[in-house]
Every structure is written in C-alpha cells, then in structure tokens.
Amino acid sequence: MELEEMQTVWSKLSDQLETQKKLTNKMIIMMTKEKYRSKINKIAIPEILGTVICYGTIVLILANFSRLDNWYNMLSGLISMTILLILPVLSLRSIHRMKRIDIAKNSYQQTLLSYTRAKKRFKTVAKWGYYLSFVLMFAILPVSAKVLNNKDLIADSKSVWPFVVAIPLAIVFVIFFAKWVMRSYNSSINAAENLIKEISEVDE
C-alpha cells in the first residue's frame, strides 16, 4: 500500500472514530439526563403528594369555615390556609427549576451554574418550610378541634388538655420527620449534582 493510500485510509478511520466518539458521548449524556430526572423525581413525587394533601386540607377548612365562629379560630384558619397554599407552590417551583435544566443542550458550565442556583432556591424554601411547619402545627390545632370535634380550644379549658399533652409529641415528630425528609432530599440532590459533574469528563 502506497503512502497516499495509507493516509486516506487513516483519515477515514480517524473520521469514523471521531463520529463514534461523538455518538458515544451523546448516548452517555442522554443516559445521564434520564438518571438526573429520576433523581429529581424522587423529590418531586413526594412534594406533589404533599401538595394534594395540603390543598385537600384547604378545601376542608373552606367547607367548614362558617363553623369557625370567632376571630381567633378564623385567624387560625386563615393562617393555616395561607401556609398550606403558598409553601407547596414555592416548593414545586424550585423543583421545576431543577428539573427543567437541559443537560443535553447546555454546556457543563451552564448546567452546573443553573443547577447550583436552583438547588440554593430549593434549600431556602425547604428551610422556610421547616420553620413554618411549627407555625402551621399551632395554627391548625384550634381549627382541627372546631372542625372535627366542634370544640373551642380557648373557650373550653377541658378541650385544651389533650392537645397540650399531644403538642410536645407533635413537635418531636415534626423535627425528626423533617430531618429524615431532608436527609432523603439531600441524598437525591447530591446524586443529581454528581451526575452533572460526570458530564465534564464527557465534554473534555
């Protein structure tokens, strides 16, 4: 084989290898994209279910709002509904920001920057959700007593004591449950971030 023919064959072989490399990289990125969505869905699905429960509770309060027959019960109902309405929206929006990041189209730097910003927003919302869950716990107590048992926690001293006993247990439960949820969420968030960082090796 002459030198010119060898150069032609080598050039074709190089082109084929480059094409194969691009296809392989594209497949890796698409697989990473699916794994990324799967990690974010581990956060999104529980939050969607939580949103359904929150909005179902709002409907229940609204349907029985006429039974909240004094100012403090009404105020508790309004505070509860406000928290139940706003928090799920903020949470789902922050998750949507993470989910809509297009790993396949954006560069590694763009993807990582967008993800870092979205992750920061989600963690901020989660932190506010943690603190507001305690506000909600106390706000919804008189509403629950009135709607479910037709009892006024403040006016009827006998109705207060079962809830007073239950409050410390509820606080402990909220703390441990919130920490367990955040550990689970952080695990998915970190796994998703690691998947993004793996793309840098493909882009090189």
N, C-alpha and C. Protein backbone atom coordinates (compact mmCIF):
# COMPACT_ATOMS: atom_id res chain seq x y z
N MET A 1 0.86 -1.19 0.00
CA MET A 1 0.00 0.00 0.00
C MET A 1 0.89 1.24 0.00
N GLU A 2 0.57 2.18 -0.90
CA GLU A 2 1.37 3.38 -1.01
C GLU A 2 1.05 4.34 0.14
N LEU A 3 1.94 5.29 0.33
CA LEU A 3 1.81 6.25 1.43
C LEU A 3 0.52 7.06 1.31
N GLU A 4 0.18 7.48 0.08
CA GLU A 4 -1.04 8.29 -0.12
C GLU A 4 -2.29 7.50 0.25
N GLU A 5 -2.31 6.19 -0.13
CA GLU A 5 -3.46 5.34 0.19
C GLU A 5 -3.56 5.14 1.71
N MET A 6 -2.40 4.97 2.34
CA MET A 6 -2.38 4.79 3.80
C MET A 6 -2.91 6.04 4.50
N GLN A 7 -2.56 7.20 3.99
CA GLN A 7 -3.04 8.44 4.58
C GLN A 7 -4.56 8.58 4.42
N THR A 8 -5.07 8.13 3.24
CA THR A 8 -6.51 8.19 3.00
C THR A 8 -7.26 7.26 3.95
N VAL A 9 -6.73 6.03 4.08
CA VAL A 9 -7.36 5.05 4.98
C VAL A 9 -7.33 5.55 6.42
N TRP A 10 -6.19 6.10 6.79
CA TRP A 10 -6.05 6.60 8.16
C TRP A 10 -7.00 7.78 8.44
N SER A 11 -7.16 8.63 7.42
CA SER A 11 -8.07 9.77 7.55
C SER A 11 -9.51 9.30 7.72
N LYS A 12 -9.91 8.28 6.93
CA LYS A 12 -11.27 7.74 7.05
C LYS A 12 -11.48 7.09 8.41
N LEU A 13 -10.45 6.37 8.83
CA LEU A 13 -10.53 5.70 10.13
C LEU A 13 -10.65 6.72 11.27
N SER A 14 -9.91 7.80 11.16
CA SER A 14 -9.97 8.85 12.18
C SER A 14 -11.34 9.50 12.22
N ASP A 15 -11.90 9.73 11.02
CA ASP A 15 -13.25 10.31 10.94
C ASP A 15 -14.29 9.39 11.58
N GLN A 16 -14.15 8.08 11.30
CA GLN A 16 -15.08 7.10 11.88
C GLN A 16 -14.97 7.06 13.40
N LEU A 17 -13.71 7.12 13.89
CA LEU A 17 -13.50 7.09 15.33
C LEU A 17 -14.07 8.35 16.00
N GLU A 18 -13.91 9.49 15.33
CA GLU A 18 -14.43 10.74 15.86
C GLU A 18 -15.96 10.72 15.89
N THR A 19 -16.55 10.18 14.81
CA THR A 19 -18.01 10.06 14.75
C THR A 19 -18.53 9.12 15.84
N GLN A 20 -17.80 8.01 16.01
CA GLN A 20 -18.18 7.04 17.04
C GLN A 20 -18.07 7.66 18.43
N LYS A 21 -17.05 8.46 18.63
CA LYS A 21 -16.86 9.12 19.92
C LYS A 21 -17.99 10.09 20.21
N LYS A 22 -18.40 10.85 19.20
CA LYS A 22 -19.50 11.80 19.37
C LYS A 22 -20.80 11.09 19.70
N LEU A 23 -21.05 9.96 19.00
CA LEU A 23 -22.27 9.18 19.26
C LEU A 23 -22.25 8.60 20.68
N THR A 24 -21.08 8.10 21.06
CA THR A 24 -20.95 7.55 22.43
C THR A 24 -21.18 8.61 23.48
N ASN A 25 -20.57 9.79 23.26
CA ASN A 25 -20.75 10.89 24.20
C ASN A 25 -22.20 11.33 24.28
N LYS A 26 -22.87 11.35 23.12
CA LYS A 26 -24.28 11.74 23.09
C LYS A 26 -25.14 10.74 23.87
N MET A 27 -24.84 9.46 23.69
CA MET A 27 -25.58 8.43 24.43
C MET A 27 -25.35 8.55 25.93
N ILE A 28 -24.12 8.81 26.32
CA ILE A 28 -23.79 8.97 27.74
C ILE A 28 -24.56 10.15 28.33
N ILE A 29 -24.58 11.26 27.59
CA ILE A 29 -25.27 12.46 28.07
C ILE A 29 -26.78 12.20 28.18
N MET A 30 -27.37 11.51 27.20
CA MET A 30 -28.81 11.22 27.24
C MET A 30 -29.13 10.29 28.42
N MET A 31 -28.26 9.30 28.66
CA MET A 31 -28.47 8.41 29.80
C MET A 31 -28.33 9.17 31.12
N THR A 32 -27.37 10.09 31.17
CA THR A 32 -27.18 10.92 32.36
C THR A 32 -28.40 11.80 32.58
N LYS A 33 -28.97 12.30 31.49
CA LYS A 33 -30.16 13.15 31.58
C LYS A 33 -31.32 12.39 32.20
N GLU A 34 -31.52 11.15 31.79
CA GLU A 34 -32.61 10.33 32.35
C GLU A 34 -32.36 10.02 33.82
N LYS A 35 -31.11 9.71 34.15
CA LYS A 35 -30.78 9.45 35.56
C LYS A 35 -30.99 10.70 36.41
N TYR A 36 -30.65 11.85 35.84
CA TYR A 36 -30.83 13.13 36.54
C TYR A 36 -32.31 13.37 36.84
N ARG A 37 -33.15 13.17 35.83
CA ARG A 37 -34.59 13.35 36.02
C ARG A 37 -35.14 12.39 37.07
N SER A 38 -34.62 11.18 37.07
CA SER A 38 -35.05 10.18 38.05
C SER A 38 -34.72 10.63 39.47
N LYS A 39 -33.53 11.22 39.65
CA LYS A 39 -33.14 11.71 40.98
C LYS A 39 -34.04 12.86 41.42
N ILE A 40 -34.34 13.77 40.51
CA ILE A 40 -35.20 14.91 40.85
C ILE A 40 -36.63 14.45 41.12
N ASN A 41 -37.07 13.42 40.39
CA ASN A 41 -38.43 12.88 40.62
C ASN A 41 -38.58 12.29 42.02
N LYS A 42 -37.48 11.84 42.60
CA LYS A 42 -37.55 11.31 43.97
C LYS A 42 -37.90 12.41 44.96
N ILE A 43 -37.66 13.66 44.56
CA ILE A 43 -38.05 14.80 45.37
C ILE A 43 -39.43 15.29 44.93
N ALA A 44 -39.65 15.33 43.62
CA ALA A 44 -40.88 15.91 43.08
C ALA A 44 -42.12 15.12 43.46
N ILE A 45 -42.06 13.79 43.37
CA ILE A 45 -43.26 12.96 43.61
C ILE A 45 -43.78 13.12 45.04
N PRO A 46 -42.93 13.01 46.08
CA PRO A 46 -43.44 13.25 47.44
C PRO A 46 -44.01 14.66 47.63
N GLU A 47 -43.37 15.65 46.97
CA GLU A 47 -43.86 17.03 47.10
C GLU A 47 -45.21 17.20 46.42
N ILE A 48 -45.42 16.52 45.31
CA ILE A 48 -46.73 16.58 44.63
C ILE A 48 -47.80 15.95 45.51
N LEU A 49 -47.49 14.80 46.10
CA LEU A 49 -48.44 14.15 47.02
C LEU A 49 -48.73 15.06 48.21
N GLY A 50 -47.68 15.70 48.73
CA GLY A 50 -47.86 16.64 49.84
C GLY A 50 -48.74 17.82 49.44
N THR A 51 -48.58 18.29 48.21
CA THR A 51 -49.40 19.39 47.71
C THR A 51 -50.87 18.99 47.66
N VAL A 52 -51.15 17.78 47.20
CA VAL A 52 -52.53 17.28 47.15
C VAL A 52 -53.14 17.27 48.55
N ILE A 53 -52.36 16.81 49.53
CA ILE A 53 -52.84 16.78 50.92
C ILE A 53 -53.09 18.20 51.44
N CYS A 54 -52.15 19.11 51.15
CA CYS A 54 -52.30 20.50 51.60
C CYS A 54 -53.55 21.14 51.02
N TYR A 55 -53.76 20.96 49.71
CA TYR A 55 -54.92 21.58 49.08
C TYR A 55 -56.23 20.90 49.50
N GLY A 56 -56.16 19.60 49.78
CA GLY A 56 -57.34 18.92 50.31
C GLY A 56 -57.71 19.47 51.68
N THR A 57 -56.69 19.79 52.49
CA THR A 57 -56.93 20.38 53.80
C THR A 57 -57.53 21.78 53.68
N ILE A 58 -57.06 22.54 52.69
CA ILE A 58 -57.62 23.87 52.43
C ILE A 58 -59.10 23.77 52.08
N VAL A 59 -59.45 22.82 51.23
CA VAL A 59 -60.85 22.62 50.84
C VAL A 59 -61.68 22.26 52.06
N LEU A 60 -61.15 21.41 52.93
CA LEU A 60 -61.86 21.01 54.15
C LEU A 60 -62.10 22.21 55.06
N ILE A 61 -61.08 23.06 55.21
CA ILE A 61 -61.23 24.25 56.06
C ILE A 61 -62.25 25.21 55.46
N LEU A 62 -62.16 25.43 54.15
CA LEU A 62 -63.11 26.34 53.49
C LEU A 62 -64.55 25.83 53.61
N ALA A 63 -64.71 24.51 53.47
CA ALA A 63 -66.06 23.93 53.54
C ALA A 63 -66.67 24.09 54.93
N ASN A 64 -65.80 24.22 55.93
CA ASN A 64 -66.28 24.34 57.32
C ASN A 64 -65.94 25.70 57.94
N PHE A 65 -65.63 26.66 57.10
CA PHE A 65 -65.18 27.95 57.62
C PHE A 65 -66.26 28.65 58.45
N SER A 66 -67.51 28.42 58.12
CA SER A 66 -68.61 29.04 58.86
C SER A 66 -68.67 28.55 60.31
N ARG A 67 -68.07 27.39 60.57
CA ARG A 67 -68.05 26.85 61.94
C ARG A 67 -66.99 27.50 62.80
N LEU A 68 -66.07 28.22 62.17
CA LEU A 68 -65.05 28.98 62.92
C LEU A 68 -65.69 30.29 63.34
N ASP A 69 -66.41 30.26 64.44
CA ASP A 69 -67.34 31.32 64.78
C ASP A 69 -66.79 32.42 65.68
N ASN A 70 -65.48 32.54 65.77
CA ASN A 70 -64.92 33.69 66.49
C ASN A 70 -63.61 34.10 65.81
N TRP A 71 -63.08 35.24 66.23
CA TRP A 71 -61.97 35.84 65.49
C TRP A 71 -60.70 35.01 65.54
N TYR A 72 -60.40 34.38 66.69
CA TYR A 72 -59.14 33.64 66.78
C TYR A 72 -59.19 32.33 66.00
N ASN A 73 -60.36 31.69 65.95
CA ASN A 73 -60.49 30.49 65.11
C ASN A 73 -60.40 30.85 63.63
N MET A 74 -61.04 31.97 63.26
CA MET A 74 -60.96 32.43 61.86
C MET A 74 -59.53 32.78 61.49
N LEU A 75 -58.83 33.47 62.40
CA LEU A 75 -57.44 33.85 62.14
C LEU A 75 -56.56 32.61 61.99
N SER A 76 -56.79 31.63 62.85
CA SER A 76 -56.04 30.37 62.76
C SER A 76 -56.31 29.68 61.42
N GLY A 77 -57.57 29.71 61.00
CA GLY A 77 -57.93 29.11 59.71
C GLY A 77 -57.26 29.81 58.55
N LEU A 78 -57.23 31.15 58.58
CA LEU A 78 -56.60 31.92 57.50
C LEU A 78 -55.09 31.70 57.46
N ILE A 79 -54.45 31.68 58.65
CA ILE A 79 -53.01 31.43 58.71
C ILE A 79 -52.70 30.03 58.16
N SER A 80 -53.48 29.05 58.58
CA SER A 80 -53.27 27.67 58.12
C SER A 80 -53.41 27.57 56.61
N MET A 81 -54.47 28.16 56.06
CA MET A 81 -54.71 28.08 54.62
C MET A 81 -53.63 28.81 53.83
N THR A 82 -53.14 29.94 54.37
CA THR A 82 -52.09 30.69 53.68
C THR A 82 -50.81 29.86 53.57
N ILE A 83 -50.41 29.24 54.69
CA ILE A 83 -49.20 28.41 54.68
C ILE A 83 -49.39 27.21 53.76
N LEU A 84 -50.55 26.55 53.86
CA LEU A 84 -50.83 25.36 53.04
C LEU A 84 -50.91 25.70 51.55
N LEU A 85 -51.24 26.94 51.24
CA LEU A 85 -51.35 27.36 49.84
C LEU A 85 -50.00 27.76 49.25
N ILE A 86 -49.24 28.55 50.01
CA ILE A 86 -48.02 29.15 49.46
C ILE A 86 -46.83 28.17 49.43
N LEU A 87 -46.61 27.45 50.52
CA LEU A 87 -45.42 26.59 50.60
C LEU A 87 -45.34 25.56 49.47
N PRO A 88 -46.42 24.82 49.18
CA PRO A 88 -46.33 23.84 48.08
C PRO A 88 -45.99 24.48 46.73
N VAL A 89 -46.54 25.68 46.49
CA VAL A 89 -46.26 26.36 45.22
C VAL A 89 -44.78 26.71 45.11
N LEU A 90 -44.23 27.28 46.20
CA LEU A 90 -42.80 27.64 46.19
C LEU A 90 -41.92 26.40 46.04
N SER A 91 -42.30 25.33 46.73
CA SER A 91 -41.51 24.09 46.67
C SER A 91 -41.53 23.50 45.26
N LEU A 92 -42.72 23.39 44.67
CA LEU A 92 -42.83 22.81 43.33
C LEU A 92 -42.13 23.67 42.28
N ARG A 93 -42.18 24.98 42.45
CA ARG A 93 -41.49 25.87 41.51
C ARG A 93 -39.97 25.68 41.59
N SER A 94 -39.45 25.55 42.80
CA SER A 94 -38.00 25.35 42.94
C SER A 94 -37.57 23.99 42.38
N ILE A 95 -38.41 22.98 42.55
CA ILE A 95 -38.11 21.66 41.98
C ILE A 95 -38.18 21.72 40.46
N HIS A 96 -39.17 22.45 39.95
CA HIS A 96 -39.32 22.58 38.49
C HIS A 96 -38.09 23.24 37.88
N ARG A 97 -37.50 24.20 38.58
CA ARG A 97 -36.28 24.86 38.08
C ARG A 97 -35.14 23.86 37.94
N MET A 98 -35.05 22.94 38.91
CA MET A 98 -34.00 21.91 38.81
C MET A 98 -34.31 20.93 37.69
N LYS A 99 -35.60 20.59 37.55
CA LYS A 99 -35.98 19.55 36.59
C LYS A 99 -35.87 20.02 35.14
N ARG A 100 -36.09 21.32 34.91
CA ARG A 100 -36.11 21.80 33.53
C ARG A 100 -34.71 22.06 32.96
N ILE A 101 -33.68 21.91 33.78
CA ILE A 101 -32.30 22.10 33.28
C ILE A 101 -32.02 21.03 32.23
N ASP A 102 -31.64 21.48 31.04
CA ASP A 102 -31.41 20.56 29.92
C ASP A 102 -29.93 20.20 29.83
N ILE A 103 -29.60 19.04 30.38
CA ILE A 103 -28.22 18.58 30.38
C ILE A 103 -27.70 18.36 28.96
N ALA A 104 -28.57 17.89 28.08
CA ALA A 104 -28.15 17.54 26.72
C ALA A 104 -27.80 18.77 25.88
N LYS A 105 -28.49 19.89 26.12
CA LYS A 105 -28.29 21.07 25.27
C LYS A 105 -27.29 22.06 25.86
N ASN A 106 -27.32 22.22 27.16
CA ASN A 106 -26.43 23.20 27.79
C ASN A 106 -25.02 22.66 27.95
N SER A 107 -24.08 23.58 28.05
CA SER A 107 -22.70 23.19 28.34
C SER A 107 -22.60 22.78 29.81
N TYR A 108 -21.49 22.16 30.15
CA TYR A 108 -21.30 21.73 31.54
C TYR A 108 -21.34 22.91 32.50
N GLN A 109 -20.66 24.02 32.12
CA GLN A 109 -20.61 25.18 32.99
C GLN A 109 -22.01 25.78 33.18
N GLN A 110 -22.79 25.89 32.08
CA GLN A 110 -24.14 26.42 32.17
C GLN A 110 -25.03 25.53 33.03
N THR A 111 -24.91 24.23 32.84
CA THR A 111 -25.72 23.27 33.58
C THR A 111 -25.42 23.35 35.08
N LEU A 112 -24.14 23.36 35.41
CA LEU A 112 -23.75 23.39 36.82
C LEU A 112 -24.18 24.69 37.49
N LEU A 113 -24.04 25.81 36.77
CA LEU A 113 -24.44 27.11 37.32
C LEU A 113 -25.95 27.16 37.56
N SER A 114 -26.72 26.70 36.57
CA SER A 114 -28.18 26.69 36.70
C SER A 114 -28.62 25.78 37.84
N TYR A 115 -27.97 24.63 37.94
CA TYR A 115 -28.32 23.68 38.99
C TYR A 115 -27.99 24.24 40.37
N THR A 116 -26.85 24.87 40.50
CA THR A 116 -26.44 25.44 41.78
C THR A 116 -27.44 26.49 42.25
N ARG A 117 -27.89 27.34 41.33
CA ARG A 117 -28.88 28.36 41.68
C ARG A 117 -30.21 27.72 42.08
N ALA A 118 -30.66 26.74 41.30
CA ALA A 118 -31.93 26.08 41.59
C ALA A 118 -31.87 25.32 42.92
N LYS A 119 -30.74 24.67 43.17
CA LYS A 119 -30.56 23.95 44.44
C LYS A 119 -30.61 24.91 45.62
N LYS A 120 -29.99 26.06 45.47
CA LYS A 120 -29.99 27.05 46.55
C LYS A 120 -31.40 27.53 46.84
N ARG A 121 -32.20 27.76 45.78
CA ARG A 121 -33.60 28.19 45.98
C ARG A 121 -34.39 27.11 46.69
N PHE A 122 -34.19 25.86 46.28
CA PHE A 122 -34.93 24.75 46.89
C PHE A 122 -34.60 24.62 48.38
N LYS A 123 -33.32 24.73 48.71
CA LYS A 123 -32.92 24.61 50.11
C LYS A 123 -33.45 25.77 50.95
N THR A 124 -33.54 26.95 50.35
CA THR A 124 -34.11 28.09 51.05
C THR A 124 -35.59 27.86 51.34
N VAL A 125 -36.31 27.36 50.33
CA VAL A 125 -37.74 27.06 50.50
C VAL A 125 -37.92 25.96 51.56
N ALA A 126 -37.05 24.94 51.51
CA ALA A 126 -37.14 23.84 52.48
C ALA A 126 -36.90 24.35 53.90
N LYS A 127 -35.98 25.30 54.04
CA LYS A 127 -35.70 25.86 55.37
C LYS A 127 -36.91 26.64 55.89
N TRP A 128 -37.52 27.45 55.02
CA TRP A 128 -38.72 28.18 55.42
C TRP A 128 -39.86 27.21 55.73
N GLY A 129 -39.95 26.15 54.95
CA GLY A 129 -40.98 25.14 55.19
C GLY A 129 -40.82 24.49 56.55
N TYR A 130 -39.57 24.27 56.96
CA TYR A 130 -39.30 23.66 58.26
C TYR A 130 -39.79 24.56 59.38
N TYR A 131 -39.47 25.85 59.31
CA TYR A 131 -39.88 26.78 60.36
C TYR A 131 -41.39 27.00 60.36
N LEU A 132 -41.97 27.14 59.16
CA LEU A 132 -43.41 27.40 59.08
C LEU A 132 -44.24 26.18 59.46
N SER A 133 -43.64 24.99 59.41
CA SER A 133 -44.38 23.79 59.82
C SER A 133 -44.76 23.86 61.30
N PHE A 134 -43.92 24.53 62.11
CA PHE A 134 -44.24 24.70 63.53
C PHE A 134 -45.37 25.72 63.70
N VAL A 135 -45.32 26.79 62.91
CA VAL A 135 -46.41 27.78 62.93
C VAL A 135 -47.72 27.11 62.53
N LEU A 136 -47.66 26.31 61.46
CA LEU A 136 -48.84 25.61 60.99
C LEU A 136 -49.39 24.66 62.04
N MET A 137 -48.49 23.97 62.73
CA MET A 137 -48.91 23.00 63.74
C MET A 137 -49.76 23.66 64.82
N PHE A 138 -49.33 24.84 65.27
CA PHE A 138 -50.07 25.55 66.32
C PHE A 138 -51.32 26.23 65.75
N ALA A 139 -51.22 26.73 64.52
CA ALA A 139 -52.36 27.45 63.92
C ALA A 139 -53.52 26.51 63.61
N ILE A 140 -53.17 25.29 63.21
CA ILE A 140 -54.23 24.38 62.76
C ILE A 140 -54.89 23.63 63.92
N LEU A 141 -54.31 23.69 65.12
CA LEU A 141 -54.88 22.99 66.28
C LEU A 141 -56.31 23.46 66.60
N PRO A 142 -56.54 24.77 66.79
CA PRO A 142 -57.91 25.20 67.08
C PRO A 142 -58.87 24.95 65.92
N VAL A 143 -58.36 25.03 64.70
CA VAL A 143 -59.20 24.76 63.53
C VAL A 143 -59.62 23.30 63.51
N SER A 144 -58.66 22.41 63.75
CA SER A 144 -58.96 20.97 63.76
C SER A 144 -59.97 20.62 64.86
N ALA A 145 -59.77 21.22 66.05
CA ALA A 145 -60.67 20.93 67.17
C ALA A 145 -62.09 21.38 66.85
N LYS A 146 -62.20 22.52 66.20
CA LYS A 146 -63.53 23.05 65.88
C LYS A 146 -64.19 22.29 64.75
N VAL A 147 -63.42 22.00 63.69
CA VAL A 147 -63.98 21.33 62.51
C VAL A 147 -64.28 19.87 62.79
N LEU A 148 -63.38 19.17 63.47
CA LEU A 148 -63.54 17.73 63.67
C LEU A 148 -64.37 17.37 64.90
N ASN A 149 -64.21 18.18 65.97
CA ASN A 149 -64.91 17.83 67.23
C ASN A 149 -65.88 18.91 67.72
N ASN A 150 -65.96 20.01 66.97
CA ASN A 150 -66.84 21.13 67.35
C ASN A 150 -66.52 21.63 68.76
N LYS A 151 -65.21 21.73 69.07
CA LYS A 151 -64.78 22.21 70.37
C LYS A 151 -63.89 23.43 70.20
N ASP A 152 -64.04 24.36 71.13
CA ASP A 152 -63.24 25.58 71.12
C ASP A 152 -62.10 25.42 72.12
N LEU A 153 -60.87 25.33 71.61
CA LEU A 153 -59.72 25.08 72.48
C LEU A 153 -59.50 26.18 73.51
N ILE A 154 -59.78 27.42 73.14
CA ILE A 154 -59.51 28.53 74.04
C ILE A 154 -60.66 28.74 75.03
N ALA A 155 -61.88 28.64 74.54
CA ALA A 155 -63.04 28.87 75.41
C ALA A 155 -63.31 27.70 76.34
N ASP A 156 -63.05 26.49 75.87
CA ASP A 156 -63.33 25.29 76.66
C ASP A 156 -62.02 24.73 77.22
N SER A 157 -61.76 24.96 78.48
CA SER A 157 -60.49 24.54 79.08
C SER A 157 -60.34 23.02 79.09
N LYS A 158 -61.43 22.29 79.14
CA LYS A 158 -61.36 20.82 79.14
C LYS A 158 -60.86 20.29 77.79
N SER A 159 -61.10 21.05 76.75
CA SER A 159 -60.68 20.62 75.41
C SER A 159 -59.19 20.85 75.18
N VAL A 160 -58.61 21.73 76.00
CA VAL A 160 -57.21 22.12 75.78
C VAL A 160 -56.25 21.02 76.18
N TRP A 161 -56.50 20.36 77.31
CA TRP A 161 -55.51 19.47 77.89
C TRP A 161 -55.07 18.31 76.99
N PRO A 162 -55.97 17.64 76.28
CA PRO A 162 -55.48 16.58 75.38
C PRO A 162 -54.50 17.10 74.34
N PHE A 163 -54.74 18.33 73.87
CA PHE A 163 -53.85 18.91 72.87
C PHE A 163 -52.55 19.38 73.50
N VAL A 164 -52.62 19.88 74.75
CA VAL A 164 -51.41 20.30 75.45
C VAL A 164 -50.47 19.11 75.64
N VAL A 165 -51.03 17.97 75.96
CA VAL A 165 -50.23 16.76 76.12
C VAL A 165 -49.65 16.30 74.78
N ALA A 166 -50.46 16.47 73.72
CA ALA A 166 -50.04 15.99 72.40
C ALA A 166 -49.02 16.90 71.72
N ILE A 167 -48.98 18.18 72.11
CA ILE A 167 -48.10 19.15 71.43
C ILE A 167 -46.62 18.77 71.49
N PRO A 168 -46.07 18.42 72.68
CA PRO A 168 -44.64 18.03 72.71
C PRO A 168 -44.34 16.83 71.81
N LEU A 169 -45.25 15.86 71.80
CA LEU A 169 -45.06 14.70 70.92
C LEU A 169 -45.09 15.12 69.46
N ALA A 170 -45.99 16.05 69.13
CA ALA A 170 -46.09 16.53 67.75
C ALA A 170 -44.83 17.28 67.34
N ILE A 171 -44.28 18.08 68.26
CA ILE A 171 -43.05 18.83 67.98
C ILE A 171 -41.89 17.88 67.70
N VAL A 172 -41.75 16.86 68.55
CA VAL A 172 -40.69 15.87 68.35
C VAL A 172 -40.86 15.15 67.01
N PHE A 173 -42.10 14.79 66.69
CA PHE A 173 -42.38 14.11 65.43
C PHE A 173 -42.01 14.99 64.24
N VAL A 174 -42.41 16.27 64.29
CA VAL A 174 -42.12 17.19 63.18
C VAL A 174 -40.62 17.34 62.99
N ILE A 175 -39.87 17.46 64.09
CA ILE A 175 -38.41 17.63 64.00
C ILE A 175 -37.76 16.41 63.34
N PHE A 176 -38.09 15.22 63.86
CA PHE A 176 -37.47 14.01 63.33
C PHE A 176 -37.93 13.72 61.89
N PHE A 177 -39.21 13.96 61.61
CA PHE A 177 -39.72 13.73 60.25
C PHE A 177 -39.07 14.68 59.26
N ALA A 178 -38.97 15.96 59.65
CA ALA A 178 -38.36 16.96 58.75
C ALA A 178 -36.90 16.62 58.47
N LYS A 179 -36.17 16.18 59.50
CA LYS A 179 -34.77 15.82 59.30
C LYS A 179 -34.63 14.59 58.41
N TRP A 180 -35.52 13.62 58.60
CA TRP A 180 -35.49 12.42 57.75
C TRP A 180 -35.78 12.77 56.29
N VAL A 181 -36.76 13.63 56.09
CA VAL A 181 -37.11 14.06 54.72
C VAL A 181 -35.93 14.79 54.08
N MET A 182 -35.32 15.71 54.83
CA MET A 182 -34.22 16.49 54.27
C MET A 182 -33.00 15.62 53.98
N ARG A 183 -32.75 14.60 54.81
CA ARG A 183 -31.65 13.68 54.50
C ARG A 183 -31.92 12.96 53.19
N SER A 184 -33.15 12.53 53.01
CA SER A 184 -33.53 11.85 51.77
C SER A 184 -33.41 12.78 50.57
N TYR A 185 -33.90 14.02 50.72
CA TYR A 185 -33.83 15.00 49.64
C TYR A 185 -32.38 15.36 49.32
N ASN A 186 -31.57 15.57 50.36
CA ASN A 186 -30.16 15.92 50.14
C ASN A 186 -29.41 14.81 49.43
N SER A 187 -29.78 13.56 49.73
CA SER A 187 -29.15 12.42 49.05
C SER A 187 -29.44 12.47 47.55
N SER A 188 -30.70 12.75 47.19
CA SER A 188 -31.08 12.85 45.78
C SER A 188 -30.44 14.06 45.12
N ILE A 189 -30.40 15.18 45.85
CA ILE A 189 -29.80 16.41 45.31
C ILE A 189 -28.31 16.22 45.04
N ASN A 190 -27.61 15.62 45.98
CA ASN A 190 -26.17 15.39 45.80
C ASN A 190 -25.90 14.39 44.67
N ALA A 191 -26.75 13.37 44.58
CA ALA A 191 -26.59 12.39 43.50
C ALA A 191 -26.80 13.05 42.14
N ALA A 192 -27.80 13.94 42.05
CA ALA A 192 -28.05 14.65 40.80
C ALA A 192 -26.88 15.55 40.44
N GLU A 193 -26.31 16.20 41.44
CA GLU A 193 -25.15 17.08 41.19
C GLU A 193 -23.94 16.29 40.73
N ASN A 194 -23.74 15.12 41.31
CA ASN A 194 -22.63 14.26 40.89
C ASN A 194 -22.79 13.82 39.43
N LEU A 195 -24.03 13.57 39.03
CA LEU A 195 -24.29 13.19 37.63
C LEU A 195 -23.90 14.33 36.69
N ILE A 196 -24.20 15.55 37.11
CA ILE A 196 -23.84 16.72 36.29
C ILE A 196 -22.32 16.84 36.19
N LYS A 197 -21.64 16.62 37.30
CA LYS A 197 -20.18 16.75 37.30
C LYS A 197 -19.52 15.68 36.42
N GLU A 198 -20.18 14.54 36.27
CA GLU A 198 -19.64 13.49 35.41
C GLU A 198 -19.62 13.91 33.95
N ILE A 199 -20.49 14.85 33.60
CA ILE A 199 -20.56 15.32 32.21
C ILE A 199 -19.29 16.02 31.81
N SER A 200 -18.60 16.64 32.78
CA SER A 200 -17.36 17.35 32.46
C SER A 200 -16.33 16.42 31.82
N GLU A 201 -16.34 15.16 32.22
CA GLU A 201 -15.42 14.19 31.66
C GLU A 201 -15.78 13.85 30.21
N VAL A 202 -17.08 13.93 29.91
CA VAL A 202 -17.53 13.66 28.53
C VAL A 202 -17.21 14.83 27.63
N ASP A 203 -17.36 16.07 28.20
CA ASP A 203 -17.14 17.27 27.39
C ASP A 203 -15.67 17.49 27.06
N GLU A 204 -14.79 16.88 27.85
CA GLU A 204 -13.36 17.10 27.61
C GLU A 204 -12.90 16.49 26.28
